[in-house]
Amino acid sequence: MLEIIPTKTNLSTAVINGQALHSRYDPLKESQRFVNINLSSEYPSTVIFLGTGLGYTASLIKETFPQAKLICIYYSADILKESKQTPWLYWFPGAEITLLSFLRLNLKELELEGLRVLKWAPSERIFPEMAKTATTALQQVLKELRGSLVTTLAMGRRWIQNSFINFLSIERVLTTSSDKYDLPLFLAGSGPSLEQAVTLLHRSRNKLIIWALPSAIPYLIKMDITPDLVIITDPSFYAGYHLYPLFDKSINLATPLSAVHCSRQINGGVLLISQSNFFEEALLTQLNIRIPRIPPQGTVAATAVQMAMNHTSREIILAGLDFGYSDIRSHVRPNAFDNFLIPSVNRLSPLYSKLYSLAAQRAPFINRTVRGSFRTGLTMNTYSGWFAGLPDHISARIFRLNPSPVKLDNIQTIDAEKLARELSERSPQPEINIFIPAGNYPDHRQRRKICRELLTAWHNHLHTAVEQTKRVSKIGSFLNDPFLLTFSYYYDSGSLAKLKRTLRLTGESEAVLQAVSLLEREIDFIESMAARLELRESNV
């Protein structure tokens, strides 16, 4: 029960079940003390305020730090209704989107620099379950953002280079039809639980569409199971190495341009997907082709599930997505990574010792159940958290086959025998191909022209930005240019974060020097890439 009562200073406070949300005497003084204690050390770039009350503290944060981004999370819709004006981003229970979706939409990787998370203790006491839910959601999103930032720092330039290499090299391009499969779609990862699905796949092959992640390919091919589609998003060489068992096999591949170049390893077509990165979009918009757009989620499994939702009207069955190690086993065998590990085995460094060391490093958290022990790690917990946060209308169509002990409460489980019985009662469906050859795909000469013109435009833009920044000695032209910020993020997100911190804490003059240095390195990068791709012209 919510009650609004006056305070000794003629302001208001909210009382819920006898507990006051703000001081009964002076809410403003209470808020001032809270801000002084929690935000006295430096100017924050972004503030997330969990358990926002009637607006006293949020307004004070906004007044004290007008340049900071403020995101408020209310624990009650009734509190929001009674609060002061809200000139900030906010979410409340009952909003049109989930809290996870709201945070993913409004919090970006570079905003981690200078981020402060504040919690209003009275709200936590009054709404403990909502406080726990909000904290869990925020922790999940922050893990995703940190993972994305680290990945971009390591792979950003490779993504850009791969996009141009793939755009020039891929010849057999597919597009999507308007049809959907009327069969269950089986998605195979490489976790140890995949072994329990082999009999089912052989018995029911004509009643299932099988998609696979790259790491599952060596095992599936050894078991004489050829998938209908392989989805790959990883830009590294090792991801493509998984596909060598498919050499000379006619199989389709779904990939963003930024992934490793591996289309020559298969005889099928390539379904281009866009992860909405600026460099992919800059190239793909030159093609008059229907292209699925699937924002990246940090794991190829998430991309595959999002694709599957759009391409089958039936169930999606997950196998081998274990999100953990079975004792010290991370995957079925054979696996491409074993080819790199086994040659280094010797008497003084046996195989199981190496496997244990890798498991302890990558999955340090041990969980014990009646079925045995399993290991998890931060990366795997982030991936499982993504699946655990799927909304009901998506998770209702997803099943886990013989899953690992890592629980996902929102996704149903099913064992192989039960699924086999259900499939045996269904009639095989006529085979349809929802991926069809793309028409009007530009030839290699046209694609080279597109690449050359795009790199020239980027080069000129960066050169102009350097000259302007040097001339005015101001950072505004850099920070207010979406292209410059986006390109810099993918080229060197670490330097961009450092630049923003310098501007926030040190001042503009030092930030200008860092911006010029960053832009000049980006110009060198474009010139070297143009030379490598043999696209160099006099102005690139």
Protein backbone atom coordinates (compact mmCIF):
# COMPACT_ATOMS: atom_id res chain seq x y z
CA MET A 1 0.00 0.00 0.00
CA LEU A 2 1.45 3.34 -1.11
CA GLU A 3 0.81 6.53 0.85
CA ILE A 4 2.18 10.01 0.07
CA ILE A 5 2.69 12.09 3.22
CA PRO A 6 4.19 15.53 3.94
CA THR A 7 7.60 15.89 5.57
CA LYS A 8 8.80 18.40 8.16
CA THR A 9 10.20 20.56 5.33
CA ASN A 10 6.87 20.67 3.44
CA LEU A 11 8.03 18.20 0.81
CA SER A 12 6.61 14.71 0.32
CA THR A 13 7.77 11.22 0.98
CA ALA A 14 6.26 7.86 0.05
CA VAL A 15 5.41 5.27 2.67
CA ILE A 16 4.93 1.68 1.51
CA ASN A 17 3.70 -0.82 4.07
CA GLY A 18 4.96 1.40 6.86
CA GLN A 19 8.44 1.98 5.38
CA ALA A 20 9.47 5.43 4.15
CA LEU A 21 11.10 5.74 0.75
CA HIS A 22 12.66 9.11 1.65
CA SER A 23 13.41 10.99 4.84
CA ARG A 24 10.33 12.02 6.81
CA TYR A 25 12.17 15.24 7.73
CA ASP A 26 14.25 16.58 4.82
CA PRO A 27 14.38 14.48 1.59
CA LEU A 28 16.54 17.08 -0.18
CA LYS A 29 19.23 17.07 2.50
CA GLU A 30 19.17 13.26 2.45
CA SER A 31 19.65 13.26 -1.32
CA GLN A 32 22.47 15.80 -1.12
CA ARG A 33 24.29 13.64 1.40
CA PHE A 34 23.78 10.57 -0.84
CA VAL A 35 25.22 12.34 -3.90
CA ASN A 36 28.17 13.77 -1.96
CA ILE A 37 29.10 10.36 -0.62
CA ASN A 38 28.68 8.38 -3.83
CA LEU A 39 29.72 10.84 -6.55
CA SER A 40 32.33 13.04 -4.93
CA SER A 41 35.47 11.52 -6.44
CA GLU A 42 35.05 12.41 -10.13
CA TYR A 43 32.65 13.51 -12.84
CA PRO A 44 30.82 10.36 -14.04
CA SER A 45 30.08 9.77 -17.71
CA THR A 46 26.98 7.66 -17.03
CA VAL A 47 24.95 7.03 -13.88
CA ILE A 48 22.57 4.09 -13.47
CA PHE A 49 20.30 4.71 -10.50
CA LEU A 50 18.61 1.55 -9.23
CA GLY A 51 15.49 1.98 -7.12
CA THR A 52 14.74 5.56 -8.12
CA GLY A 53 12.27 7.18 -5.72
CA LEU A 54 10.20 10.36 -6.04
CA GLY A 55 12.87 12.15 -8.06
CA TYR A 56 14.76 14.14 -5.42
CA THR A 57 18.04 12.31 -5.86
CA ALA A 58 17.73 11.81 -9.61
CA SER A 59 17.08 15.51 -10.12
CA LEU A 60 20.07 16.42 -7.97
CA ILE A 61 22.32 14.06 -9.98
CA LYS A 62 21.13 15.66 -13.20
CA GLU A 63 21.65 19.19 -11.86
CA THR A 64 25.10 18.43 -10.47
CA PHE A 65 26.33 16.48 -13.52
CA PRO A 66 24.37 17.85 -16.50
CA GLN A 67 26.69 16.23 -19.09
CA ALA A 68 26.37 12.77 -17.57
CA LYS A 69 23.88 10.27 -18.98
CA LEU A 70 21.33 9.30 -16.32
CA ILE A 71 19.41 6.01 -16.46
CA CYS A 72 16.82 5.48 -13.74
CA ILE A 73 15.29 2.14 -12.82
CA TYR A 74 12.04 2.38 -10.84
CA TYR A 75 10.95 -0.60 -8.77
CA SER A 76 7.26 0.36 -8.84
CA ALA A 77 5.01 1.93 -11.46
CA ASP A 78 3.11 3.65 -8.64
CA ILE A 79 6.30 5.35 -7.46
CA LEU A 80 6.93 6.58 -11.00
CA LYS A 81 3.42 8.07 -11.16
CA GLU A 82 4.03 10.02 -7.95
CA SER A 83 7.55 11.15 -8.84
CA LYS A 84 8.72 14.55 -9.98
CA GLN A 85 9.28 15.33 -13.66
CA THR A 86 11.61 12.76 -15.23
CA PRO A 87 13.96 14.36 -17.81
CA TRP A 88 16.03 11.17 -17.94
CA LEU A 89 15.89 7.67 -19.37
CA TYR A 90 13.84 5.41 -17.16
CA TRP A 91 12.26 1.97 -16.88
CA PHE A 92 9.52 0.67 -14.60
CA PRO A 93 7.72 -2.65 -14.02
CA GLY A 94 5.00 -2.96 -16.63
CA ALA A 95 6.90 -1.10 -19.34
CA GLU A 96 6.48 -2.28 -22.93
CA ILE A 97 9.93 -3.86 -23.01
CA THR A 98 11.79 -6.00 -20.49
CA LEU A 99 14.46 -4.49 -18.28
CA LEU A 100 17.11 -6.53 -20.12
CA SER A 101 15.96 -5.13 -23.46
CA PHE A 102 15.82 -1.59 -22.05
CA LEU A 103 19.37 -1.78 -20.71
CA ARG A 104 20.72 -3.34 -23.91
CA LEU A 105 19.05 -0.58 -25.91
CA ASN A 106 20.25 2.35 -23.79
CA LEU A 107 23.68 1.30 -22.52
CA LYS A 108 26.64 1.05 -24.90
CA GLU A 109 30.16 -0.32 -24.57
CA LEU A 110 32.02 2.98 -24.36
CA GLU A 111 29.70 4.17 -21.62
CA LEU A 112 31.40 1.68 -19.31
CA GLU A 113 34.18 4.26 -19.04
CA GLY A 114 33.18 6.50 -16.14
CA LEU A 115 30.05 4.46 -15.34
CA ARG A 116 28.70 4.60 -11.80
CA VAL A 117 25.93 2.35 -10.49
CA LEU A 118 23.98 3.73 -7.51
CA LYS A 119 21.41 1.90 -5.39
CA TRP A 120 18.78 3.59 -3.22
CA ALA A 121 18.80 1.47 -0.07
CA PRO A 122 15.19 2.17 1.03
CA SER A 123 13.95 0.89 -2.36
CA GLU A 124 15.96 -2.31 -1.89
CA ARG A 125 14.37 -2.88 1.52
CA ILE A 126 10.84 -2.15 0.32
CA PHE A 127 11.06 -4.04 -3.01
CA PRO A 128 13.65 -6.81 -2.40
CA GLU A 129 12.55 -9.08 -5.26
CA MET A 130 12.50 -6.26 -7.79
CA ALA A 131 15.90 -5.10 -6.53
CA LYS A 132 17.30 -8.60 -7.03
CA THR A 133 15.82 -8.81 -10.54
CA ALA A 134 17.23 -5.41 -11.51
CA THR A 135 20.69 -6.22 -10.17
CA THR A 136 20.76 -9.55 -12.04
CA ALA A 137 19.66 -7.90 -15.30
CA LEU A 138 22.25 -5.14 -14.97
CA GLN A 139 25.03 -7.61 -14.18
CA GLN A 140 24.13 -9.63 -17.28
CA VAL A 141 24.18 -6.58 -19.56
CA LEU A 142 27.43 -5.30 -18.08
CA LYS A 143 29.04 -8.71 -18.67
CA GLU A 144 27.83 -8.63 -22.26
CA LEU A 145 29.15 -5.10 -22.79
CA ARG A 146 32.54 -5.85 -21.23
CA GLY A 147 32.84 -8.96 -23.37
CA SER A 148 31.88 -7.00 -26.48
CA LEU A 149 34.40 -4.25 -25.66
CA VAL A 150 37.22 -6.74 -25.12
CA THR A 151 36.31 -8.61 -28.32
CA THR A 152 36.14 -5.40 -30.35
CA LEU A 153 39.51 -4.29 -29.01
CA ALA A 154 41.04 -7.58 -30.15
CA MET A 155 39.09 -8.11 -33.38
CA GLY A 156 37.80 -4.74 -34.62
CA ARG A 157 40.40 -4.21 -37.34
CA ARG A 158 40.18 -7.83 -38.41
CA TRP A 159 36.40 -7.47 -38.79
CA ILE A 160 36.91 -4.53 -41.14
CA GLN A 161 39.60 -6.32 -43.16
CA ASN A 162 37.58 -9.54 -43.35
CA SER A 163 34.56 -7.63 -44.62
CA PHE A 164 36.44 -6.35 -47.63
CA ILE A 165 38.18 -9.69 -48.27
CA ASN A 166 34.89 -11.59 -48.15
CA PHE A 167 33.08 -8.99 -50.25
CA LEU A 168 35.70 -9.40 -52.96
CA SER A 169 36.05 -13.18 -52.69
CA ILE A 170 32.59 -14.69 -52.17
CA GLU A 171 31.06 -15.67 -55.51
CA ARG A 172 28.08 -17.97 -54.81
CA VAL A 173 25.70 -15.76 -52.85
CA LEU A 174 22.29 -16.83 -51.56
CA THR A 175 19.32 -14.86 -50.36
CA THR A 176 16.22 -15.83 -48.39
CA SER A 177 12.86 -16.69 -49.85
CA SER A 178 9.60 -15.88 -48.12
CA ASP A 179 9.13 -19.56 -47.18
CA LYS A 180 9.74 -21.14 -43.78
CA TYR A 181 10.61 -24.69 -42.88
CA ASP A 182 7.65 -26.70 -41.62
CA LEU A 183 10.00 -29.02 -39.75
CA PRO A 184 11.68 -28.81 -36.34
CA LEU A 185 15.09 -27.20 -36.59
CA PHE A 186 17.95 -28.95 -34.78
CA LEU A 187 20.86 -26.68 -33.83
CA ALA A 188 24.09 -28.51 -32.98
CA GLY A 189 26.81 -27.10 -30.77
CA SER A 190 29.94 -29.02 -29.82
CA GLY A 191 29.31 -29.61 -26.10
CA PRO A 192 29.64 -33.16 -24.76
CA SER A 193 25.86 -33.65 -24.66
CA LEU A 194 25.80 -33.69 -28.49
CA GLU A 195 26.95 -37.33 -28.33
CA GLN A 196 23.53 -38.33 -26.98
CA ALA A 197 21.77 -36.97 -30.07
CA VAL A 198 23.49 -39.06 -32.77
CA THR A 199 21.02 -41.95 -32.78
CA LEU A 200 18.11 -39.53 -32.95
CA LEU A 201 19.62 -37.66 -35.89
CA HIS A 202 20.15 -40.86 -37.87
CA ARG A 203 16.65 -42.18 -37.16
CA SER A 204 14.85 -38.90 -37.85
CA ARG A 205 17.06 -37.19 -40.44
CA ASN A 206 14.21 -36.73 -42.92
CA LYS A 207 12.06 -35.08 -40.25
CA LEU A 208 14.56 -32.50 -39.06
CA ILE A 209 16.41 -29.51 -40.45
CA ILE A 210 19.94 -29.62 -39.05
CA TRP A 211 21.97 -26.48 -38.56
CA ALA A 212 25.40 -26.59 -36.98
CA LEU A 213 27.91 -24.30 -35.35
CA PRO A 214 31.44 -24.63 -36.76
CA SER A 215 32.95 -26.46 -33.78
CA ALA A 216 30.39 -29.28 -34.15
CA ILE A 217 31.34 -30.04 -37.76
CA PRO A 218 34.26 -32.51 -37.26
CA TYR A 219 32.15 -34.68 -34.95
CA LEU A 220 29.00 -34.56 -37.10
CA ILE A 221 30.89 -35.51 -40.25
CA LYS A 222 32.62 -38.38 -38.45
CA MET A 223 29.16 -39.58 -37.39
CA ASP A 224 28.02 -39.35 -41.04
CA ILE A 225 25.64 -36.46 -40.36
CA THR A 226 25.79 -33.61 -42.86
CA PRO A 227 24.01 -30.45 -41.71
CA ASP A 228 21.85 -28.33 -43.99
CA LEU A 229 23.50 -25.09 -42.95
CA VAL A 230 26.57 -23.97 -41.01
CA ILE A 231 26.53 -20.61 -39.22
CA ILE A 232 29.86 -18.91 -38.60
CA THR A 233 30.52 -15.44 -37.15
CA ASP A 234 34.02 -15.73 -35.66
CA PRO A 235 36.69 -13.69 -37.50
CA SER A 236 39.64 -15.84 -36.45
CA PHE A 237 41.44 -18.50 -38.48
CA TYR A 238 40.55 -21.20 -35.98
CA ALA A 239 36.83 -20.84 -36.64
CA GLY A 240 37.38 -21.58 -40.31
CA TYR A 241 39.65 -24.50 -39.44
CA HIS A 242 36.62 -26.33 -38.02
CA LEU A 243 35.14 -26.47 -41.53
CA TYR A 244 37.89 -28.46 -43.25
CA PRO A 245 35.87 -31.74 -43.00
CA LEU A 246 33.33 -30.07 -45.32
CA PHE A 247 35.83 -29.70 -48.12
CA ASP A 248 34.17 -30.64 -51.42
CA LYS A 249 30.79 -31.11 -49.74
CA SER A 250 27.80 -29.21 -51.10
CA ILE A 251 26.61 -27.35 -48.03
CA ASN A 252 25.40 -23.82 -47.46
CA LEU A 253 27.12 -21.35 -45.15
CA ALA A 254 25.59 -18.39 -43.31
CA THR A 255 28.08 -15.71 -42.38
CA PRO A 256 28.54 -11.98 -41.90
CA LEU A 257 31.18 -10.36 -44.06
CA SER A 258 33.26 -9.76 -40.94
CA ALA A 259 33.74 -13.49 -40.24
CA VAL A 260 36.81 -15.44 -41.30
CA HIS A 261 37.05 -16.05 -45.04
CA CYS A 262 36.17 -19.72 -45.51
CA SER A 263 33.69 -19.92 -48.39
CA ARG A 264 36.28 -21.71 -50.57
CA GLN A 265 36.18 -24.68 -48.21
CA ILE A 266 32.63 -25.60 -49.28
CA ASN A 267 30.85 -26.14 -52.56
CA GLY A 268 27.53 -24.65 -51.48
CA GLY A 269 26.31 -21.09 -51.47
CA VAL A 270 26.83 -18.33 -48.93
CA LEU A 271 23.97 -16.61 -47.16
CA LEU A 272 25.26 -13.19 -46.17
CA ILE A 273 23.91 -11.87 -42.89
CA SER A 274 24.50 -8.43 -41.46
CA GLN A 275 25.37 -7.78 -37.84
CA SER A 276 24.62 -4.10 -38.54
CA ASN A 277 28.23 -3.00 -38.20
CA PHE A 278 28.89 0.16 -40.22
CA PHE A 279 31.53 -1.46 -42.45
CA GLU A 280 29.26 -4.42 -43.30
CA GLU A 281 26.32 -2.15 -44.01
CA ALA A 282 28.44 0.15 -46.17
CA LEU A 283 29.21 -2.80 -48.44
CA LEU A 284 25.96 -4.75 -48.25
CA THR A 285 23.77 -1.75 -49.10
CA GLN A 286 25.48 -1.79 -52.51
CA LEU A 287 23.82 -5.15 -53.20
CA ASN A 288 20.20 -5.37 -54.23
CA ILE A 289 19.70 -8.52 -52.14
CA ARG A 290 17.49 -9.42 -49.21
CA ILE A 291 19.90 -9.84 -46.30
CA PRO A 292 18.96 -10.93 -42.76
CA ARG A 293 20.03 -8.39 -40.16
CA ILE A 294 20.88 -9.96 -36.83
CA PRO A 295 22.64 -7.80 -34.21
CA PRO A 296 25.64 -9.55 -32.61
CA GLN A 297 25.19 -11.06 -29.14
CA GLY A 298 28.74 -12.19 -28.48
CA THR A 299 28.18 -15.84 -29.42
CA VAL A 300 27.43 -17.57 -32.71
CA ALA A 301 24.81 -19.70 -30.92
CA ALA A 302 22.71 -16.61 -30.23
CA THR A 303 22.96 -15.53 -33.87
CA ALA A 304 21.92 -19.02 -34.99
CA VAL A 305 18.88 -19.04 -32.67
CA GLN A 306 17.77 -15.64 -33.91
CA MET A 307 18.09 -16.87 -37.50
CA ALA A 308 16.20 -20.06 -36.68
CA MET A 309 13.27 -18.11 -35.24
CA ASN A 310 12.86 -16.44 -38.63
CA HIS A 311 13.20 -19.56 -40.77
CA THR A 312 11.08 -22.29 -39.19
CA SER A 313 7.52 -22.30 -37.98
CA ARG A 314 8.17 -25.30 -35.73
CA GLU A 315 10.27 -26.13 -32.68
CA ILE A 316 13.95 -25.24 -32.30
CA ILE A 317 15.93 -28.00 -30.59
CA LEU A 318 19.28 -27.18 -29.04
CA ALA A 319 21.93 -29.86 -28.48
CA GLY A 320 25.55 -29.50 -27.46
CA LEU A 321 24.98 -25.99 -26.09
CA ASP A 322 26.14 -26.98 -22.62
CA PHE A 323 27.53 -23.66 -21.31
CA GLY A 324 30.02 -25.63 -19.25
CA TYR A 325 32.60 -28.40 -19.12
CA SER A 326 31.72 -31.98 -18.30
CA ASP A 327 34.50 -32.49 -15.78
CA ILE A 328 37.46 -31.41 -17.98
CA ARG A 329 35.73 -32.01 -21.35
CA SER A 330 34.56 -28.92 -23.19
CA HIS A 331 33.53 -30.52 -26.47
CA VAL A 332 32.88 -33.72 -28.36
CA ARG A 333 35.71 -35.37 -30.25
CA PRO A 334 37.08 -35.08 -32.82
CA ASN A 335 37.39 -31.34 -32.54
CA ALA A 336 39.63 -29.06 -34.56
CA PHE A 337 41.29 -27.67 -31.45
CA ASP A 338 42.59 -31.15 -30.57
CA ASN A 339 44.76 -31.01 -33.67
CA PHE A 340 46.68 -28.13 -32.10
CA LEU A 341 46.83 -29.66 -28.62
CA ILE A 342 47.78 -33.30 -29.26
CA PRO A 343 51.13 -32.70 -31.07
CA SER A 344 52.45 -30.95 -27.95
CA VAL A 345 51.67 -33.94 -25.71
CA ASN A 346 54.68 -35.79 -24.31
CA ARG A 347 55.78 -37.83 -21.31
CA LEU A 348 56.31 -34.74 -19.16
CA SER A 349 53.15 -33.01 -20.37
CA PRO A 350 50.43 -35.66 -20.86
CA LEU A 351 47.10 -34.99 -22.54
CA TYR A 352 44.95 -35.08 -19.42
CA SER A 353 47.28 -32.68 -17.65
CA LYS A 354 46.90 -30.20 -20.51
CA LEU A 355 43.11 -30.64 -20.57
CA TYR A 356 42.93 -30.07 -16.83
CA SER A 357 45.03 -26.91 -17.07
CA LEU A 358 42.84 -25.53 -19.85
CA ALA A 359 39.67 -26.38 -17.94
CA ALA A 360 40.97 -24.74 -14.76
CA GLN A 361 41.88 -21.62 -16.70
CA ARG A 362 38.75 -21.22 -18.84
CA ALA A 363 36.16 -22.70 -16.48
CA PRO A 364 37.40 -22.17 -12.92
CA PHE A 365 34.02 -22.49 -11.18
CA ILE A 366 33.26 -26.09 -10.14
CA ASN A 367 29.68 -27.23 -9.50
CA ARG A 368 28.86 -30.70 -8.18
CA THR A 369 25.60 -32.58 -8.75
CA VAL A 370 24.40 -36.16 -8.34
CA ARG A 371 25.27 -36.66 -12.03
CA GLY A 372 28.86 -35.55 -11.52
CA SER A 373 30.80 -32.30 -11.58
CA PHE A 374 30.78 -29.62 -14.22
CA ARG A 375 32.75 -26.45 -14.70
CA THR A 376 31.71 -22.98 -15.80
CA GLY A 377 33.49 -19.71 -16.43
CA LEU A 378 32.68 -16.06 -16.95
CA THR A 379 32.34 -16.31 -20.74
CA MET A 380 30.06 -19.35 -20.57
CA ASN A 381 27.99 -17.73 -17.81
CA THR A 382 27.52 -14.68 -20.02
CA TYR A 383 26.30 -16.87 -22.89
CA SER A 384 23.91 -18.84 -20.69
CA GLY A 385 22.67 -15.55 -19.25
CA TRP A 386 21.74 -14.40 -22.75
CA PHE A 387 19.61 -17.52 -23.26
CA ALA A 388 18.14 -17.23 -19.76
CA GLY A 389 16.98 -13.73 -20.65
CA LEU A 390 15.09 -14.69 -23.80
CA PRO A 391 11.50 -13.40 -23.72
CA ASP A 392 8.69 -15.92 -23.36
CA HIS A 393 7.43 -15.65 -26.94
CA ILE A 394 10.86 -16.85 -28.15
CA SER A 395 11.81 -19.35 -25.44
CA ALA A 396 8.41 -21.07 -25.74
CA ARG A 397 9.53 -22.54 -29.09
CA ILE A 398 12.97 -23.67 -27.89
CA PHE A 399 13.85 -27.04 -26.34
CA ARG A 400 17.15 -28.32 -24.94
CA LEU A 401 17.93 -31.93 -25.78
CA ASN A 402 19.54 -33.90 -22.93
CA PRO A 403 20.94 -30.67 -21.51
CA SER A 404 23.98 -30.15 -19.33
CA PRO A 405 23.52 -29.37 -15.62
CA VAL A 406 23.63 -25.63 -16.40
CA LYS A 407 19.97 -24.78 -15.90
CA LEU A 408 17.90 -22.43 -18.03
CA ASP A 409 14.55 -22.10 -16.30
CA ASN A 410 12.86 -20.41 -19.25
CA ILE A 411 13.70 -23.15 -21.80
CA GLN A 412 12.04 -26.55 -21.77
CA THR A 413 14.07 -29.76 -21.78
CA ILE A 414 13.38 -32.97 -23.65
CA ASP A 415 15.22 -36.29 -23.85
CA ALA A 416 16.17 -37.96 -27.11
CA GLU A 417 13.85 -40.95 -26.72
CA LYS A 418 10.78 -38.80 -26.16
CA LEU A 419 11.64 -36.60 -29.12
CA ALA A 420 12.25 -39.66 -31.31
CA ARG A 421 8.79 -41.01 -30.43
CA GLU A 422 7.16 -37.68 -31.26
CA LEU A 423 9.01 -37.41 -34.57
CA SER A 424 8.11 -41.00 -35.52
CA GLU A 425 4.45 -39.99 -35.48
CA ARG A 426 5.00 -37.15 -37.94
CA SER A 427 5.06 -37.52 -41.70
CA PRO A 428 8.14 -36.35 -43.58
CA GLN A 429 7.58 -32.96 -45.19
CA PRO A 430 8.39 -32.16 -48.82
CA GLU A 431 11.89 -30.75 -49.03
CA ILE A 432 11.98 -27.01 -49.66
CA ASN A 433 14.93 -24.71 -50.03
CA ILE A 434 14.38 -21.39 -48.32
CA PHE A 435 17.83 -20.18 -49.41
CA ILE A 436 17.93 -19.39 -53.12
CA PRO A 437 20.63 -18.01 -55.46
CA ALA A 438 20.78 -14.21 -55.41
CA GLY A 439 20.16 -12.51 -58.70
CA ASN A 440 22.01 -9.45 -59.97
CA TYR A 441 25.00 -10.07 -57.73
CA PRO A 442 27.77 -7.75 -58.98
CA ASP A 443 30.76 -9.37 -60.62
CA HIS A 444 34.29 -9.16 -59.23
CA ARG A 445 35.17 -6.04 -61.23
CA GLN A 446 32.12 -4.19 -59.92
CA ARG A 447 32.84 -5.28 -56.36
CA ARG A 448 36.43 -4.01 -56.62
CA LYS A 449 35.09 -0.65 -57.75
CA ILE A 450 32.70 -0.51 -54.78
CA CYS A 451 35.53 -1.28 -52.34
CA ARG A 452 37.89 1.24 -53.89
CA GLU A 453 35.34 4.05 -53.80
CA LEU A 454 34.36 3.29 -50.21
CA LEU A 455 37.94 3.26 -48.94
CA THR A 456 38.64 6.50 -50.81
CA ALA A 457 35.66 8.18 -49.17
CA TRP A 458 36.73 6.98 -45.71
CA HIS A 459 40.31 8.12 -46.30
CA ASN A 460 39.20 11.59 -47.38
CA HIS A 461 36.84 11.92 -44.43
CA LEU A 462 39.56 11.04 -41.94
CA HIS A 463 42.10 13.35 -43.61
CA THR A 464 39.65 16.26 -43.44
CA ALA A 465 38.96 15.52 -39.76
CA VAL A 466 42.69 15.60 -38.94
CA GLU A 467 43.19 18.95 -40.63
CA GLN A 468 40.10 20.47 -38.97
CA THR A 469 40.98 19.17 -35.49
CA LYS A 470 44.52 20.56 -35.77
CA ARG A 471 43.26 23.91 -37.05
CA VAL A 472 40.67 24.61 -34.34
CA SER A 473 42.30 22.63 -31.48
CA LYS A 474 38.85 21.49 -30.43
CA ILE A 475 37.49 17.97 -29.93
CA GLY A 476 33.90 18.76 -30.89
CA SER A 477 34.26 17.97 -34.59
CA PHE A 478 35.53 14.51 -33.63
CA LEU A 479 32.97 13.66 -30.94
CA ASN A 480 30.02 15.00 -32.95
CA ASP A 481 30.82 13.01 -36.09
CA PRO A 482 29.09 9.58 -36.00
CA PHE A 483 31.41 8.12 -38.63
CA LEU A 484 34.59 9.17 -36.83
CA LEU A 485 33.37 7.82 -33.50
CA THR A 486 32.17 4.54 -34.99
CA PHE A 487 35.29 3.95 -37.07
CA SER A 488 37.51 4.75 -34.10
CA TYR A 489 35.56 2.35 -31.90
CA TYR A 490 36.21 -0.57 -34.23
CA TYR A 491 39.76 0.47 -35.09
CA ASP A 492 40.93 0.95 -31.48
CA SER A 493 38.22 1.02 -28.83
CA GLY A 494 40.88 1.19 -26.11
CA SER A 495 42.32 4.45 -27.41
CA LEU A 496 38.85 5.90 -27.86
CA ALA A 497 37.91 5.06 -24.27
CA LYS A 498 41.20 6.58 -23.09
CA LEU A 499 40.46 9.74 -25.11
CA LYS A 500 37.03 10.10 -23.52
CA ARG A 501 38.51 9.64 -20.07
CA THR A 502 41.16 12.26 -20.78
CA LEU A 503 38.50 14.74 -21.90
CA ARG A 504 36.41 14.02 -18.83
CA LEU A 505 39.19 14.27 -16.27
CA THR A 506 42.11 16.23 -17.78
CA GLY A 507 40.80 18.61 -20.39
CA GLU A 508 40.41 19.28 -24.08
CA SER A 509 43.96 20.15 -25.09
CA GLU A 510 45.33 16.71 -24.21
CA ALA A 511 42.29 15.01 -25.75
CA VAL A 512 42.88 16.85 -29.04
CA LEU A 513 46.40 15.45 -29.28
CA GLN A 514 45.09 11.94 -28.66
CA ALA A 515 42.34 12.39 -31.26
CA VAL A 516 44.79 13.54 -33.95
CA SER A 517 47.10 10.62 -33.22
CA LEU A 518 44.21 8.16 -33.42
CA LEU A 519 42.89 9.59 -36.71
CA GLU A 520 46.35 9.54 -38.32
CA ARG A 521 46.76 5.87 -37.38
CA GLU A 522 43.38 5.15 -38.93
CA ILE A 523 44.50 6.79 -42.18
CA ASP A 524 47.59 4.55 -42.21
CA PHE A 525 45.34 1.52 -41.60
CA ILE A 526 43.14 2.33 -44.61
CA GLU A 527 46.15 2.91 -46.84
CA SER A 528 47.75 -0.39 -45.84
CA MET A 529 44.46 -2.25 -46.30
CA ALA A 530 43.97 -0.74 -49.77
CA ALA A 531 47.48 -1.82 -50.72
CA ARG A 532 46.91 -5.33 -49.39
CA LEU A 533 43.70 -5.66 -51.38
CA GLU A 534 45.40 -4.09 -54.41
CA LEU A 535 42.87 -1.27 -54.38
CA ARG A 536 45.34 1.58 -53.92
CA GLU A 537 44.83 4.73 -55.96
CA SER A 538 46.69 8.02 -55.79
CA ASN A 539 44.37 9.45 -53.11
CA VAL A 540 44.24 6.30 -50.91
